[in-house]
Amino acid sequence: MKCCPVDKDLKKEWEHDLENEASIDENEINELCNVFKVLSNPIRLKIAYHLMKQDYCVAALVYVLGEKQNLVSHHLALMRENGIVDPYKSSRYTYYRLKPEVCLMLSSLRH
């Protein structure tokens, strides 16, 4: 489609077509911005990439990341508060899984 047509009739058609295109859902944009803000920290992004592969407990994340337990727990808490991960109990351990919509978003960014 030609941008900014000079002809008045073409311009009206062009404007009409633009108005009929799918509008941006502001709530969705705000949610995505929040996800990107949370994942802008390198440790949280590393956690998310690990959780794309499988669920982890804190101890396993501490080991694979080479970070201190309190730091990993802090970042997981922020991710949980912002809807990036879901915790669940198995035996006496708490495991974390990446929410499916975040996993899908990150997968699409990798390609």
PDB file of N, CA and C in Angstrom:
ATOM      1  N   MET A   1       0.850  -1.179   0.000  1.00  0.00           N
ATOM      2  CA  MET A   1       0.000   0.000   0.000  1.00  0.00           C
ATOM      3  C   MET A   1       0.889   1.232   0.000  1.00  0.00           C
ATOM      4  N   LYS A   2       0.496   2.189  -0.780  1.00  0.00           N
ATOM      5  CA  LYS A   2       1.242   3.437  -0.876  1.00  0.00           C
ATOM      6  C   LYS A   2       0.970   4.295   0.356  1.00  0.00           C
ATOM      7  N   CYS A   3       2.005   4.920   0.851  1.00  0.00           N
ATOM      8  CA  CYS A   3       1.881   5.761   2.037  1.00  0.00           C
ATOM      9  C   CYS A   3       1.522   7.186   1.652  1.00  0.00           C
ATOM     10  N   CYS A   4       0.608   7.770   2.401  1.00  0.00           N
ATOM     11  CA  CYS A   4       0.230   9.180   2.286  1.00  0.00           C
ATOM     12  C   CYS A   4      -0.088   9.604   0.842  1.00  0.00           C
ATOM     13  N   PRO A   5      -1.103   9.009   0.213  1.00  0.00           N
ATOM     14  CA  PRO A   5      -1.426   9.388  -1.171  1.00  0.00           C
ATOM     15  C   PRO A   5      -1.832  10.853  -1.263  1.00  0.00           C
ATOM     16  N   VAL A   6      -1.488  11.445  -2.379  1.00  0.00           N
ATOM     17  CA  VAL A   6      -1.806  12.854  -2.611  1.00  0.00           C
ATOM     18  C   VAL A   6      -3.250  13.000  -3.077  1.00  0.00           C
ATOM     19  N   ASP A   7      -3.706  12.098  -3.927  1.00  0.00           N
ATOM     20  CA  ASP A   7      -5.067  12.130  -4.450  1.00  0.00           C
ATOM     21  C   ASP A   7      -6.055  12.031  -3.288  1.00  0.00           C
ATOM     22  N   LYS A   8      -7.054  12.931  -3.254  1.00  0.00           N
ATOM     23  CA  LYS A   8      -8.004  12.993  -2.134  1.00  0.00           C
ATOM     24  C   LYS A   8      -8.791  11.698  -1.972  1.00  0.00           C
ATOM     25  N   ASP A   9      -9.244  11.122  -3.071  1.00  0.00           N
ATOM     26  CA  ASP A   9     -10.023   9.885  -2.992  1.00  0.00           C
ATOM     27  C   ASP A   9      -9.153   8.732  -2.496  1.00  0.00           C
ATOM     28  N   LEU A  10      -7.947   8.639  -3.017  1.00  0.00           N
ATOM     29  CA  LEU A  10      -7.028   7.594  -2.564  1.00  0.00           C
ATOM     30  C   LEU A  10      -6.656   7.787  -1.098  1.00  0.00           C
ATOM     31  N   LYS A  11      -6.533   9.064  -0.712  1.00  0.00           N
ATOM     32  CA  LYS A  11      -6.179   9.345   0.682  1.00  0.00           C
ATOM     33  C   LYS A  11      -7.303   8.914   1.616  1.00  0.00           C
ATOM     34  N   LYS A  12      -8.566   9.170   1.240  1.00  0.00           N
ATOM     35  CA  LYS A  12      -9.706   8.747   2.064  1.00  0.00           C
ATOM     36  C   LYS A  12      -9.752   7.224   2.179  1.00  0.00           C
ATOM     37  N   GLU A  13      -9.509   6.554   1.065  1.00  0.00           N
ATOM     38  CA  GLU A  13      -9.488   5.089   1.074  1.00  0.00           C
ATOM     39  C   GLU A  13      -8.347   4.583   1.962  1.00  0.00           C
ATOM     40  N   TRP A  14      -7.214   5.224   1.829  1.00  0.00           N
ATOM     41  CA  TRP A  14      -6.032   4.869   2.628  1.00  0.00           C
ATOM     42  C   TRP A  14      -6.318   5.056   4.119  1.00  0.00           C
ATOM     43  N   GLU A  15      -6.921   6.189   4.482  1.00  0.00           N
ATOM     44  CA  GLU A  15      -7.256   6.458   5.881  1.00  0.00           C
ATOM     45  C   GLU A  15      -8.288   5.456   6.397  1.00  0.00           C
ATOM     46  N   HIS A  16      -9.262   5.137   5.573  1.00  0.00           N
ATOM     47  CA  HIS A  16     -10.286   4.160   5.943  1.00  0.00           C
ATOM     48  C   HIS A  16      -9.651   2.797   6.207  1.00  0.00           C
ATOM     49  N   ASP A  17      -8.736   2.385   5.329  1.00  0.00           N
ATOM     50  CA  ASP A  17      -8.038   1.106   5.499  1.00  0.00           C
ATOM     51  C   ASP A  17      -7.229   1.081   6.790  1.00  0.00           C
ATOM     52  N   LEU A  18      -6.569   2.182   7.092  1.00  0.00           N
ATOM     53  CA  LEU A  18      -5.777   2.261   8.326  1.00  0.00           C
ATOM     54  C   LEU A  18      -6.670   2.171   9.567  1.00  0.00           C
ATOM     55  N   GLU A  19      -7.814   2.815   9.523  1.00  0.00           N
ATOM     56  CA  GLU A  19      -8.740   2.781  10.655  1.00  0.00           C
ATOM     57  C   GLU A  19      -9.310   1.382  10.884  1.00  0.00           C
ATOM     58  N   ASN A  20      -9.459   0.627   9.797  1.00  0.00           N
ATOM     59  CA  ASN A  20     -10.040  -0.711   9.900  1.00  0.00           C
ATOM     60  C   ASN A  20      -9.031  -1.794  10.283  1.00  0.00           C
ATOM     61  N   GLU A  21      -7.762  -1.462  10.249  1.00  0.00           N
ATOM     62  CA  GLU A  21      -6.757  -2.438  10.668  1.00  0.00           C
ATOM     63  C   GLU A  21      -6.935  -2.740  12.150  1.00  0.00           C
ATOM     64  N   ALA A  22      -6.427  -3.898  12.554  1.00  0.00           N
ATOM     65  CA  ALA A  22      -6.543  -4.295  13.967  1.00  0.00           C
ATOM     66  C   ALA A  22      -5.909  -3.231  14.858  1.00  0.00           C
ATOM     67  N   SER A  23      -6.680  -2.803  15.833  1.00  0.00           N
ATOM     68  CA  SER A  23      -6.153  -1.805  16.766  1.00  0.00           C
ATOM     69  C   SER A  23      -5.290  -2.490  17.825  1.00  0.00           C
ATOM     70  N   ILE A  24      -4.471  -1.719  18.451  1.00  0.00           N
ATOM     71  CA  ILE A  24      -3.582  -2.227  19.491  1.00  0.00           C
ATOM     72  C   ILE A  24      -4.332  -2.214  20.819  1.00  0.00           C
ATOM     73  N   ASP A  25      -4.329  -3.339  21.483  1.00  0.00           N
ATOM     74  CA  ASP A  25      -4.956  -3.447  22.795  1.00  0.00           C
ATOM     75  C   ASP A  25      -3.987  -2.870  23.831  1.00  0.00           C
ATOM     76  N   GLU A  26      -4.367  -1.750  24.411  1.00  0.00           N
ATOM     77  CA  GLU A  26      -3.482  -1.061  25.359  1.00  0.00           C
ATOM     78  C   GLU A  26      -3.167  -1.925  26.583  1.00  0.00           C
ATOM     79  N   ASN A  27      -4.125  -2.722  27.034  1.00  0.00           N
ATOM     80  CA  ASN A  27      -3.855  -3.611  28.179  1.00  0.00           C
ATOM     81  C   ASN A  27      -2.788  -4.635  27.835  1.00  0.00           C
ATOM     82  N   GLU A  28      -2.879  -5.181  26.626  1.00  0.00           N
ATOM     83  CA  GLU A  28      -1.877  -6.156  26.190  1.00  0.00           C
ATOM     84  C   GLU A  28      -0.493  -5.513  26.084  1.00  0.00           C
ATOM     85  N   ILE A  29      -0.455  -4.309  25.558  1.00  0.00           N
ATOM     86  CA  ILE A  29       0.816  -3.582  25.446  1.00  0.00           C
ATOM     87  C   ILE A  29       1.404  -3.342  26.836  1.00  0.00           C
ATOM     88  N   ASN A  30       0.569  -2.920  27.787  1.00  0.00           N
ATOM     89  CA  ASN A  30       1.052  -2.671  29.147  1.00  0.00           C
ATOM     90  C   ASN A  30       1.566  -3.947  29.807  1.00  0.00           C
ATOM     91  N   GLU A  31       0.860  -5.071  29.583  1.00  0.00           N
ATOM     92  CA  GLU A  31       1.315  -6.350  30.134  1.00  0.00           C
ATOM     93  C   GLU A  31       2.659  -6.762  29.536  1.00  0.00           C
ATOM     94  N   LEU A  32       2.791  -6.607  28.220  1.00  0.00           N
ATOM     95  CA  LEU A  32       4.056  -6.954  27.567  1.00  0.00           C
ATOM     96  C   LEU A  32       5.194  -6.060  28.056  1.00  0.00           C
ATOM     97  N   CYS A  33       4.910  -4.781  28.229  1.00  0.00           N
ATOM     98  CA  CYS A  33       5.938  -3.856  28.750  1.00  0.00           C
ATOM     99  C   CYS A  33       6.396  -4.298  30.127  1.00  0.00           C
ATOM    100  N   ASN A  34       5.456  -4.720  30.961  1.00  0.00           N
ATOM    101  CA  ASN A  34       5.806  -5.181  32.301  1.00  0.00           C
ATOM    102  C   ASN A  34       6.685  -6.431  32.233  1.00  0.00           C
ATOM    103  N   VAL A  35       6.329  -7.373  31.355  1.00  0.00           N
ATOM    104  CA  VAL A  35       7.142  -8.588  31.196  1.00  0.00           C
ATOM    105  C   VAL A  35       8.546  -8.214  30.749  1.00  0.00           C
ATOM    106  N   PHE A  36       8.647  -7.330  29.762  1.00  0.00           N
ATOM    107  CA  PHE A  36       9.970  -6.919  29.281  1.00  0.00           C
ATOM    108  C   PHE A  36      10.775  -6.197  30.362  1.00  0.00           C
ATOM    109  N   LYS A  37      10.114  -5.386  31.178  1.00  0.00           N
ATOM    110  CA  LYS A  37      10.814  -4.711  32.281  1.00  0.00           C
ATOM    111  C   LYS A  37      11.386  -5.728  33.259  1.00  0.00           C
ATOM    112  N   VAL A  38      10.558  -6.694  33.627  1.00  0.00           N
ATOM    113  CA  VAL A  38      11.004  -7.706  34.585  1.00  0.00           C
ATOM    114  C   VAL A  38      12.154  -8.512  34.008  1.00  0.00           C
ATOM    115  N   LEU A  39      12.052  -8.889  32.740  1.00  0.00           N
ATOM    116  CA  LEU A  39      13.081  -9.729  32.128  1.00  0.00           C
ATOM    117  C   LEU A  39      14.282  -8.940  31.621  1.00  0.00           C
ATOM    118  N   SER A  40      14.295  -7.637  31.843  1.00  0.00           N
ATOM    119  CA  SER A  40      15.442  -6.840  31.395  1.00  0.00           C
ATOM    120  C   SER A  40      16.664  -7.053  32.284  1.00  0.00           C
ATOM    121  N   ASN A  41      16.486  -7.678  33.427  1.00  0.00           N
ATOM    122  CA  ASN A  41      17.608  -8.014  34.299  1.00  0.00           C
ATOM    123  C   ASN A  41      18.237  -9.314  33.802  1.00  0.00           C
ATOM    124  N   PRO A  42      19.560  -9.347  33.619  1.00  0.00           N
ATOM    125  CA  PRO A  42      20.209 -10.552  33.081  1.00  0.00           C
ATOM    126  C   PRO A  42      19.950 -11.827  33.889  1.00  0.00           C
ATOM    127  N   ILE A  43      19.934 -11.736  35.202  1.00  0.00           N
ATOM    128  CA  ILE A  43      19.701 -12.943  36.010  1.00  0.00           C
ATOM    129  C   ILE A  43      18.276 -13.448  35.795  1.00  0.00           C
ATOM    130  N   ARG A  44      17.308 -12.536  35.772  1.00  0.00           N
ATOM    131  CA  ARG A  44      15.924 -12.965  35.565  1.00  0.00           C
ATOM    132  C   ARG A  44      15.727 -13.528  34.167  1.00  0.00           C
ATOM    133  N   LEU A  45      16.406 -12.972  33.178  1.00  0.00           N
ATOM    134  CA  LEU A  45      16.296 -13.513  31.826  1.00  0.00           C
ATOM    135  C   LEU A  45      16.931 -14.904  31.750  1.00  0.00           C
ATOM    136  N   LYS A  46      18.053 -15.090  32.429  1.00  0.00           N
ATOM    137  CA  LYS A  46      18.681 -16.423  32.477  1.00  0.00           C
ATOM    138  C   LYS A  46      17.747 -17.428  33.155  1.00  0.00           C
ATOM    139  N   ILE A  47      17.126 -17.009  34.248  1.00  0.00           N
ATOM    140  CA  ILE A  47      16.171 -17.885  34.931  1.00  0.00           C
ATOM    141  C   ILE A  47      15.052 -18.267  33.966  1.00  0.00           C
ATOM    142  N   ALA A  48      14.523 -17.289  33.251  1.00  0.00           N
ATOM    143  CA  ALA A  48      13.429 -17.551  32.317  1.00  0.00           C
ATOM    144  C   ALA A  48      13.867 -18.534  31.230  1.00  0.00           C
ATOM    145  N   TYR A  49      15.068 -18.365  30.695  1.00  0.00           N
ATOM    146  CA  TYR A  49      15.538 -19.287  29.659  1.00  0.00           C
ATOM    147  C   TYR A  49      15.715 -20.700  30.198  1.00  0.00           C
ATOM    148  N   HIS A  50      16.182 -20.831  31.422  1.00  0.00           N
ATOM    149  CA  HIS A  50      16.288 -22.164  32.029  1.00  0.00           C
ATOM    150  C   HIS A  50      14.904 -22.768  32.232  1.00  0.00           C
ATOM    151  N   LEU A  51      13.962 -21.941  32.673  1.00  0.00           N
ATOM    152  CA  LEU A  51      12.617 -22.436  32.925  1.00  0.00           C
ATOM    153  C   LEU A  51      11.854 -22.741  31.633  1.00  0.00           C
ATOM    154  N   MET A  52      12.344 -22.263  30.505  1.00  0.00           N
ATOM    155  CA  MET A  52      11.741 -22.640  29.223  1.00  0.00           C
ATOM    156  C   MET A  52      11.978 -24.129  28.952  1.00  0.00           C
ATOM    157  N   LYS A  53      13.083 -24.649  29.455  1.00  0.00           N
ATOM    158  CA  LYS A  53      13.458 -26.040  29.201  1.00  0.00           C
ATOM    159  C   LYS A  53      12.783 -27.006  30.168  1.00  0.00           C
ATOM    160  N   GLN A  54      12.704 -26.606  31.440  1.00  0.00           N
ATOM    161  CA  GLN A  54      12.110 -27.471  32.457  1.00  0.00           C
ATOM    162  C   GLN A  54      11.842 -26.671  33.711  1.00  0.00           C
ATOM    163  N   ASP A  55      11.078 -27.249  34.624  1.00  0.00           N
ATOM    164  CA  ASP A  55      10.817 -26.629  35.920  1.00  0.00           C
ATOM    165  C   ASP A  55      12.031 -26.852  36.819  1.00  0.00           C
ATOM    166  N   TYR A  56      12.315 -25.877  37.679  1.00  0.00           N
ATOM    167  CA  TYR A  56      13.464 -25.955  38.579  1.00  0.00           C
ATOM    168  C   TYR A  56      13.058 -25.570  39.991  1.00  0.00           C
ATOM    169  N   CYS A  57      13.750 -26.154  40.956  1.00  0.00           N
ATOM    170  CA  CYS A  57      13.658 -25.662  42.321  1.00  0.00           C
ATOM    171  C   CYS A  57      14.759 -24.612  42.489  1.00  0.00           C
ATOM    172  N   VAL A  58      14.712 -23.875  43.578  1.00  0.00           N
ATOM    173  CA  VAL A  58      15.687 -22.810  43.810  1.00  0.00           C
ATOM    174  C   VAL A  58      17.114 -23.374  43.851  1.00  0.00           C
ATOM    175  N   ALA A  59      17.299 -24.496  44.537  1.00  0.00           N
ATOM    176  CA  ALA A  59      18.644 -25.069  44.665  1.00  0.00           C
ATOM    177  C   ALA A  59      19.251 -25.393  43.298  1.00  0.00           C
ATOM    178  N   ALA A  60      18.446 -25.932  42.395  1.00  0.00           N
ATOM    179  CA  ALA A  60      18.948 -26.253  41.057  1.00  0.00           C
ATOM    180  C   ALA A  60      19.281 -24.985  40.283  1.00  0.00           C
ATOM    181  N   LEU A  61      18.448 -23.955  40.421  1.00  0.00           N
ATOM    182  CA  LEU A  61      18.744 -22.682  39.742  1.00  0.00           C
ATOM    183  C   LEU A  61      20.005 -22.047  40.300  1.00  0.00           C
ATOM    184  N   VAL A  62      20.192 -22.130  41.606  1.00  0.00           N
ATOM    185  CA  VAL A  62      21.416 -21.606  42.227  1.00  0.00           C
ATOM    186  C   VAL A  62      22.631 -22.275  41.603  1.00  0.00           C
ATOM    187  N   TYR A  63      22.545 -23.580  41.429  1.00  0.00           N
ATOM    188  CA  TYR A  63      23.669 -24.337  40.867  1.00  0.00           C
ATOM    189  C   TYR A  63      23.927 -23.962  39.404  1.00  0.00           C
ATOM    190  N   VAL A  64      22.885 -23.980  38.571  1.00  0.00           N
ATOM    191  CA  VAL A  64      23.105 -23.720  37.142  1.00  0.00           C
ATOM    192  C   VAL A  64      23.478 -22.270  36.856  1.00  0.00           C
ATOM    193  N   LEU A  65      23.021 -21.345  37.707  1.00  0.00           N
ATOM    194  CA  LEU A  65      23.345 -19.934  37.500  1.00  0.00           C
ATOM    195  C   LEU A  65      24.663 -19.525  38.157  1.00  0.00           C
ATOM    196  N   GLY A  66      25.085 -20.291  39.166  1.00  0.00           N
ATOM    197  CA  GLY A  66      26.297 -19.927  39.893  1.00  0.00           C
ATOM    198  C   GLY A  66      26.118 -18.672  40.732  1.00  0.00           C
ATOM    199  N   GLU A  67      24.891 -18.464  41.197  1.00  0.00           N
ATOM    200  CA  GLU A  67      24.577 -17.282  42.016  1.00  0.00           C
ATOM    201  C   GLU A  67      24.211 -17.719  43.431  1.00  0.00           C
ATOM    202  N   LYS A  68      24.146 -16.747  44.344  1.00  0.00           N
ATOM    203  CA  LYS A  68      23.780 -17.042  45.726  1.00  0.00           C
ATOM    204  C   LYS A  68      22.285 -17.318  45.837  1.00  0.00           C
ATOM    205  N   GLN A  69      21.929 -18.160  46.799  1.00  0.00           N
ATOM    206  CA  GLN A  69      20.544 -18.576  46.994  1.00  0.00           C
ATOM    207  C   GLN A  69      19.618 -17.398  47.251  1.00  0.00           C
ATOM    208  N   ASN A  70      20.047 -16.459  48.098  1.00  0.00           N
ATOM    209  CA  ASN A  70      19.170 -15.326  48.420  1.00  0.00           C
ATOM    210  C   ASN A  70      18.926 -14.440  47.191  1.00  0.00           C
ATOM    211  N   LEU A  71      19.905 -14.340  46.308  1.00  0.00           N
ATOM    212  CA  LEU A  71      19.750 -13.541  45.097  1.00  0.00           C
ATOM    213  C   LEU A  71      18.773 -14.209  44.130  1.00  0.00           C
ATOM    214  N   VAL A  72      18.914 -15.502  43.940  1.00  0.00           N
ATOM    215  CA  VAL A  72      18.013 -16.242  43.057  1.00  0.00           C
ATOM    216  C   VAL A  72      16.583 -16.194  43.607  1.00  0.00           C
ATOM    217  N   SER A  73      16.427 -16.392  44.918  1.00  0.00           N
ATOM    218  CA  SER A  73      15.103 -16.333  45.540  1.00  0.00           C
ATOM    219  C   SER A  73      14.476 -14.956  45.368  1.00  0.00           C
ATOM    220  N   HIS A  74      15.269 -13.924  45.514  1.00  0.00           N
ATOM    221  CA  HIS A  74      14.784 -12.547  45.339  1.00  0.00           C
ATOM    222  C   HIS A  74      14.248 -12.342  43.922  1.00  0.00           C
ATOM    223  N   HIS A  75      15.018 -12.777  42.934  1.00  0.00           N
ATOM    224  CA  HIS A  75      14.600 -12.599  41.547  1.00  0.00           C
ATOM    225  C   HIS A  75      13.364 -13.443  41.224  1.00  0.00           C
ATOM    226  N   LEU A  76      13.289 -14.649  41.758  1.00  0.00           N
ATOM    227  CA  LEU A  76      12.105 -15.479  41.548  1.00  0.00           C
ATOM    228  C   LEU A  76      10.868 -14.836  42.173  1.00  0.00           C
ATOM    229  N   ALA A  77      11.037 -14.220  43.331  1.00  0.00           N
ATOM    230  CA  ALA A  77       9.910 -13.536  43.980  1.00  0.00           C
ATOM    231  C   ALA A  77       9.399 -12.391  43.102  1.00  0.00           C
ATOM    232  N   LEU A  78      10.318 -11.626  42.523  1.00  0.00           N
ATOM    233  CA  LEU A  78       9.912 -10.538  41.627  1.00  0.00           C
ATOM    234  C   LEU A  78       9.202 -11.083  40.386  1.00  0.00           C
ATOM    235  N   MET A  79       9.714 -12.183  39.868  1.00  0.00           N
ATOM    236  CA  MET A  79       9.101 -12.797  38.690  1.00  0.00           C
ATOM    237  C   MET A  79       7.710 -13.337  39.022  1.00  0.00           C
ATOM    238  N   ARG A  80       7.569 -13.888  40.214  1.00  0.00           N
ATOM    239  CA  ARG A  80       6.268 -14.399  40.649  1.00  0.00           C
ATOM    240  C   ARG A  80       5.272 -13.249  40.831  1.00  0.00           C
ATOM    241  N   GLU A  81       5.703 -12.183  41.491  1.00  0.00           N
ATOM    242  CA  GLU A  81       4.841 -11.022  41.729  1.00  0.00           C
ATOM    243  C   GLU A  81       4.365 -10.379  40.435  1.00  0.00           C
ATOM    244  N   ASN A  82       5.167 -10.493  39.390  1.00  0.00           N
ATOM    245  CA  ASN A  82       4.832  -9.861  38.116  1.00  0.00           C
ATOM    246  C   ASN A  82       4.262 -10.832  37.091  1.00  0.00           C
ATOM    247  N   GLY A  83       3.877 -12.016  37.535  1.00  0.00           N
ATOM    248  CA  GLY A  83       3.185 -12.948  36.665  1.00  0.00           C
ATOM    249  C   GLY A  83       4.033 -13.624  35.609  1.00  0.00           C
ATOM    250  N   ILE A  84       5.319 -13.798  35.883  1.00  0.00           N
ATOM    251  CA  ILE A  84       6.217 -14.437  34.920  1.00  0.00           C
ATOM    252  C   ILE A  84       6.335 -15.933  35.204  1.00  0.00           C
ATOM    253  N   VAL A  85       6.353 -16.289  36.484  1.00  0.00           N
ATOM    254  CA  VAL A  85       6.498 -17.691  36.881  1.00  0.00           C
ATOM    255  C   VAL A  85       5.372 -18.095  37.829  1.00  0.00           C
ATOM    256  N   ASP A  86       5.144 -19.404  37.877  1.00  0.00           N
ATOM    257  CA  ASP A  86       4.206 -19.989  38.831  1.00  0.00           C
ATOM    258  C   ASP A  86       4.966 -20.960  39.715  1.00  0.00           C
ATOM    259  N   PRO A  87       4.861 -20.814  41.038  1.00  0.00           N
ATOM    260  CA  PRO A  87       5.481 -21.795  41.932  1.00  0.00           C
ATOM    261  C   PRO A  87       4.501 -22.935  42.227  1.00  0.00           C
ATOM    262  N   TYR A  88       5.046 -24.102  42.515  1.00  0.00           N
ATOM    263  CA  TYR A  88       4.221 -25.210  42.978  1.00  0.00           C
ATOM    264  C   TYR A  88       5.078 -26.097  43.869  1.00  0.00           C
ATOM    265  N   LYS A  89       4.426 -26.761  44.805  1.00  0.00           N
ATOM    266  CA  LYS A  89       5.116 -27.640  45.753  1.00  0.00           C
ATOM    267  C   LYS A  89       5.141 -29.060  45.207  1.00  0.00           C
ATOM    268  N   SER A  90       6.285 -29.694  45.401  1.00  0.00           N
ATOM    269  CA  SER A  90       6.427 -31.115  45.115  1.00  0.00           C
ATOM    270  C   SER A  90       7.302 -31.672  46.221  1.00  0.00           C
ATOM    271  N   SER A  91       6.727 -32.539  47.001  1.00  0.00           N
ATOM    272  CA  SER A  91       7.401 -33.047  48.191  1.00  0.00           C
ATOM    273  C   SER A  91       7.627 -31.863  49.117  1.00  0.00           C
ATOM    274  N   ARG A  92       8.852 -31.649  49.524  1.00  0.00           N
ATOM    275  CA  ARG A  92       9.103 -30.504  50.408  1.00  0.00           C
ATOM    276  C   ARG A  92       9.759 -29.330  49.683  1.00  0.00           C
ATOM    277  N   TYR A  93       9.844 -29.417  48.364  1.00  0.00           N
ATOM    278  CA  TYR A  93      10.493 -28.368  47.576  1.00  0.00           C
ATOM    279  C   TYR A  93       9.462 -27.552  46.796  1.00  0.00           C
ATOM    280  N   THR A  94       9.802 -26.293  46.582  1.00  0.00           N
ATOM    281  CA  THR A  94       9.005 -25.440  45.718  1.00  0.00           C
ATOM    282  C   THR A  94       9.696 -25.374  44.369  1.00  0.00           C
ATOM    283  N   TYR A  95       8.942 -25.696  43.334  1.00  0.00           N
ATOM    284  CA  TYR A  95       9.454 -25.622  41.971  1.00  0.00           C
ATOM    285  C   TYR A  95       8.824 -24.425  41.280  1.00  0.00           C
ATOM    286  N   TYR A  96       9.498 -23.969  40.249  1.00  0.00           N
ATOM    287  CA  TYR A  96       9.005 -22.835  39.473  1.00  0.00           C
ATOM    288  C   TYR A  96       8.874 -23.243  38.025  1.00  0.00           C
ATOM    289  N   ARG A  97       7.788 -22.766  37.414  1.00  0.00           N
ATOM    290  CA  ARG A  97       7.590 -22.979  35.979  1.00  0.00           C
ATOM    291  C   ARG A  97       7.298 -21.623  35.347  1.00  0.00           C
ATOM    292  N   LEU A  98       7.752 -21.471  34.133  1.00  0.00           N
ATOM    293  CA  LEU A  98       7.491 -20.267  33.373  1.00  0.00           C
ATOM    294  C   LEU A  98       6.057 -20.320  32.864  1.00  0.00           C
ATOM    295  N   LYS A  99       5.359 -19.218  32.966  1.00  0.00           N
ATOM    296  CA  LYS A  99       3.982 -19.187  32.459  1.00  0.00           C
ATOM    297  C   LYS A  99       4.005 -19.423  30.948  1.00  0.00           C
ATOM    298  N   PRO A 100       3.038 -20.172  30.435  1.00  0.00           N
ATOM    299  CA  PRO A 100       3.042 -20.544  29.013  1.00  0.00           C
ATOM    300  C   PRO A 100       3.111 -19.348  28.060  1.00  0.00           C
ATOM    301  N   GLU A 101       2.399 -18.271  28.381  1.00  0.00           N
ATOM    302  CA  GLU A 101       2.411 -17.112  27.487  1.00  0.00           C
ATOM    303  C   GLU A 101       3.784 -16.434  27.437  1.00  0.00           C
ATOM    304  N   VAL A 102       4.509 -16.468  28.562  1.00  0.00           N
ATOM    305  CA  VAL A 102       5.866 -15.900  28.586  1.00  0.00           C
ATOM    306  C   VAL A 102       6.814 -16.811  27.808  1.00  0.00           C
ATOM    307  N   CYS A 103       6.640 -18.099  27.965  1.00  0.00           N
ATOM    308  CA  CYS A 103       7.458 -19.078  27.241  1.00  0.00           C
ATOM    309  C   CYS A 103       7.270 -18.894  25.728  1.00  0.00           C
ATOM    310  N   LEU A 104       6.041 -18.735  25.305  1.00  0.00           N
ATOM    311  CA  LEU A 104       5.745 -18.539  23.896  1.00  0.00           C
ATOM    312  C   LEU A 104       6.379 -17.247  23.385  1.00  0.00           C
ATOM    313  N   MET A 105       6.284 -16.194  24.175  1.00  0.00           N
ATOM    314  CA  MET A 105       6.860 -14.911  23.776  1.00  0.00           C
ATOM    315  C   MET A 105       8.376 -15.026  23.628  1.00  0.00           C
ATOM    316  N   LEU A 106       9.042 -15.650  24.592  1.00  0.00           N
ATOM    317  CA  LEU A 106      10.490 -15.792  24.525  1.00  0.00           C
ATOM    318  C   LEU A 106      10.909 -16.706  23.375  1.00  0.00           C
ATOM    319  N   SER A 107      10.142 -17.744  23.133  1.00  0.00           N
ATOM    320  CA  SER A 107      10.446 -18.643  22.020  1.00  0.00           C
ATOM    321  C   SER A 107      10.389 -17.919  20.693  1.00  0.00           C
ATOM    322  N   SER A 108       9.416 -17.040  20.543  1.00  0.00           N
ATOM    323  CA  SER A 108       9.287 -16.319  19.286  1.00  0.00           C
ATOM    324  C   SER A 108      10.411 -15.293  19.098  1.00  0.00           C
ATOM    325  N   LEU A 109      10.995 -14.816  20.192  1.00  0.00           N
ATOM    326  CA  LEU A 109      12.098 -13.855  20.096  1.00  0.00           C
ATOM    327  C   LEU A 109      13.413 -14.521  19.703  1.00  0.00           C
ATOM    328  N   ARG A 110      13.537 -15.788  19.975  1.00  0.00           N
ATOM    329  CA  ARG A 110      14.791 -16.498  19.711  1.00  0.00           C
ATOM    330  C   ARG A 110      14.977 -16.813  18.240  1.00  0.00           C
ATOM    331  N   HIS A 111      13.934 -16.763  17.442  1.00  0.00           N
ATOM    332  CA  HIS A 111      14.047 -17.173  16.030  1.00  0.00           C
ATOM    333  C   HIS A 111      14.104 -16.007  15.102  1.00  0.00           C
TER     334      HIS A 111
END
